[in-house]
Amino acid sequence: MPSVTAHPTPNPNSLKFTAEAAPFIDDGLISVRSPASAGEHPLGALIRVDGICDVLITPAFVTVSKTESASWDDLRPLVTSRLEAYLD
């Protein structure tokens, strides 16, 4: 299974996730800020996770932003496992 690593960003409510097995998409970027904008990409569904408010998908990384009240202790393992399953 591919290994996904979380990296801090200047925004404490956002983490950047990378994987050696990338790309997450072929090119461009996908920005998801609501369930209605999730589109067809499977990683867009991360926006439906309680506490996640923004998902940015690029070929090299996925940045996930959480709400103020959500905890990275709860969300990081869930996001990591979904990204690993997607890349597997």
C-alpha atoms as a PDB file:
ATOM      1  CA  MET A   1       0.000   0.000   0.000  1.00  0.00           C
ATOM      2  CA  PRO A   2       1.364   3.467  -0.855  1.00  0.00           C
ATOM      3  CA  SER A   3       2.560   5.573   2.036  1.00  0.00           C
ATOM      4  CA  VAL A   4       0.949   9.007   2.443  1.00  0.00           C
ATOM      5  CA  THR A   5       2.644  11.729   4.495  1.00  0.00           C
ATOM      6  CA  ALA A   6       0.964  14.763   6.073  1.00  0.00           C
ATOM      7  CA  HIS A   7       2.870  18.058   6.064  1.00  0.00           C
ATOM      8  CA  PRO A   8       2.021  21.211   8.018  1.00  0.00           C
ATOM      9  CA  THR A   9       1.168  24.384   6.137  1.00  0.00           C
ATOM     10  CA  PRO A  10       1.230  28.009   7.296  1.00  0.00           C
ATOM     11  CA  ASN A  11      -2.501  27.588   8.003  1.00  0.00           C
ATOM     12  CA  PRO A  12      -2.950  25.361  11.104  1.00  0.00           C
ATOM     13  CA  ASN A  13      -6.340  24.274   9.745  1.00  0.00           C
ATOM     14  CA  SER A  14      -4.782  22.852   6.547  1.00  0.00           C
ATOM     15  CA  LEU A  15      -2.504  19.877   5.935  1.00  0.00           C
ATOM     16  CA  LYS A  16      -0.760  18.974   2.691  1.00  0.00           C
ATOM     17  CA  PHE A  17      -0.697  15.235   1.935  1.00  0.00           C
ATOM     18  CA  THR A  18       1.911  13.750  -0.413  1.00  0.00           C
ATOM     19  CA  ALA A  19       2.749  10.244  -1.604  1.00  0.00           C
ATOM     20  CA  GLU A  20       5.552   8.710  -3.620  1.00  0.00           C
ATOM     21  CA  ALA A  21       2.835   6.873  -5.549  1.00  0.00           C
ATOM     22  CA  ALA A  22       1.336  10.170  -6.790  1.00  0.00           C
ATOM     23  CA  PRO A  23      -0.090  11.553  -9.080  1.00  0.00           C
ATOM     24  CA  PHE A  24      -3.447  12.060  -7.446  1.00  0.00           C
ATOM     25  CA  ILE A  25      -4.736  13.448 -10.783  1.00  0.00           C
ATOM     26  CA  ASP A  26      -3.159  13.600 -14.225  1.00  0.00           C
ATOM     27  CA  ASP A  27      -2.906  17.384 -14.497  1.00  0.00           C
ATOM     28  CA  GLY A  28      -4.472  20.664 -13.394  1.00  0.00           C
ATOM     29  CA  LEU A  29      -6.231  21.007 -10.080  1.00  0.00           C
ATOM     30  CA  ILE A  30      -9.570  20.233  -8.528  1.00  0.00           C
ATOM     31  CA  SER A  31     -10.906  22.536  -5.821  1.00  0.00           C
ATOM     32  CA  VAL A  32     -13.803  21.247  -3.733  1.00  0.00           C
ATOM     33  CA  ARG A  33     -15.479  23.570  -1.239  1.00  0.00           C
ATOM     34  CA  SER A  34     -18.900  21.985  -0.882  1.00  0.00           C
ATOM     35  CA  PRO A  35     -20.511  18.589  -1.369  1.00  0.00           C
ATOM     36  CA  ALA A  36     -22.265  19.975  -4.457  1.00  0.00           C
ATOM     37  CA  SER A  37     -18.879  20.798  -6.037  1.00  0.00           C
ATOM     38  CA  ALA A  38     -17.340  17.379  -5.289  1.00  0.00           C
ATOM     39  CA  GLY A  39     -17.773  16.259  -8.882  1.00  0.00           C
ATOM     40  CA  GLU A  40     -16.834  12.813 -10.111  1.00  0.00           C
ATOM     41  CA  HIS A  41     -13.332  12.501  -8.641  1.00  0.00           C
ATOM     42  CA  PRO A  42     -13.315   9.999  -5.751  1.00  0.00           C
ATOM     43  CA  LEU A  43     -11.141  12.256  -3.569  1.00  0.00           C
ATOM     44  CA  GLY A  44     -13.715  15.035  -3.883  1.00  0.00           C
ATOM     45  CA  ALA A  45     -15.841  12.953  -1.513  1.00  0.00           C
ATOM     46  CA  LEU A  46     -13.509  13.970   1.333  1.00  0.00           C
ATOM     47  CA  ILE A  47     -15.561  17.173   1.546  1.00  0.00           C
ATOM     48  CA  ARG A  48     -18.444  15.075   2.901  1.00  0.00           C
ATOM     49  CA  VAL A  49     -16.415  14.106   5.993  1.00  0.00           C
ATOM     50  CA  ASP A  50     -17.643  16.016   9.031  1.00  0.00           C
ATOM     51  CA  GLY A  51     -15.056  18.666   9.884  1.00  0.00           C
ATOM     52  CA  ILE A  52     -13.525  19.014   6.394  1.00  0.00           C
ATOM     53  CA  CYS A  53     -14.342  22.282   4.639  1.00  0.00           C
ATOM     54  CA  ASP A  54     -11.979  22.405   1.632  1.00  0.00           C
ATOM     55  CA  VAL A  55     -10.086  19.913  -0.541  1.00  0.00           C
ATOM     56  CA  LEU A  56      -7.525  20.918  -3.183  1.00  0.00           C
ATOM     57  CA  ILE A  57      -6.286  18.089  -5.411  1.00  0.00           C
ATOM     58  CA  THR A  58      -3.204  18.477  -7.625  1.00  0.00           C
ATOM     59  CA  PRO A  59      -1.023  15.866  -9.311  1.00  0.00           C
ATOM     60  CA  ALA A  60       1.637  16.078  -6.565  1.00  0.00           C
ATOM     61  CA  PHE A  61      -0.388  16.686  -3.404  1.00  0.00           C
ATOM     62  CA  VAL A  62      -3.791  17.021  -1.777  1.00  0.00           C
ATOM     63  CA  THR A  63      -4.406  19.864   0.664  1.00  0.00           C
ATOM     64  CA  VAL A  64      -7.231  19.342   3.130  1.00  0.00           C
ATOM     65  CA  SER A  65      -8.626  22.128   5.311  1.00  0.00           C
ATOM     66  CA  LYS A  66     -10.658  21.515   8.431  1.00  0.00           C
ATOM     67  CA  THR A  67     -13.112  23.622  10.373  1.00  0.00           C
ATOM     68  CA  GLU A  68     -11.872  25.388  13.513  1.00  0.00           C
ATOM     69  CA  SER A  69     -13.706  22.955  15.799  1.00  0.00           C
ATOM     70  CA  ALA A  70     -12.451  19.769  14.111  1.00  0.00           C
ATOM     71  CA  SER A  71      -9.339  17.940  15.325  1.00  0.00           C
ATOM     72  CA  TRP A  72      -6.443  16.780  13.158  1.00  0.00           C
ATOM     73  CA  ASP A  73      -6.026  13.893  15.615  1.00  0.00           C
ATOM     74  CA  ASP A  74      -9.355  12.584  14.340  1.00  0.00           C
ATOM     75  CA  LEU A  75      -9.144  13.659  10.696  1.00  0.00           C
ATOM     76  CA  ARG A  76      -5.486  12.939   9.768  1.00  0.00           C
ATOM     77  CA  PRO A  77      -5.759   9.108  10.007  1.00  0.00           C
ATOM     78  CA  LEU A  78      -9.044   9.086   8.098  1.00  0.00           C
ATOM     79  CA  VAL A  79      -7.703  11.292   5.272  1.00  0.00           C
ATOM     80  CA  THR A  80      -4.447   9.318   5.123  1.00  0.00           C
ATOM     81  CA  SER A  81      -6.259   5.980   4.838  1.00  0.00           C
ATOM     82  CA  ARG A  82      -8.587   7.263   2.098  1.00  0.00           C
ATOM     83  CA  LEU A  83      -5.659   8.642   0.091  1.00  0.00           C
ATOM     84  CA  GLU A  84      -3.722   5.377   0.482  1.00  0.00           C
ATOM     85  CA  ALA A  85      -6.752   3.343  -0.618  1.00  0.00           C
ATOM     86  CA  TYR A  86      -7.213   5.616  -3.634  1.00  0.00           C
ATOM     87  CA  LEU A  87      -3.564   5.204  -4.715  1.00  0.00           C
ATOM     88  CA  ASP A  88      -3.498   1.439  -4.084  1.00  0.00           C
END
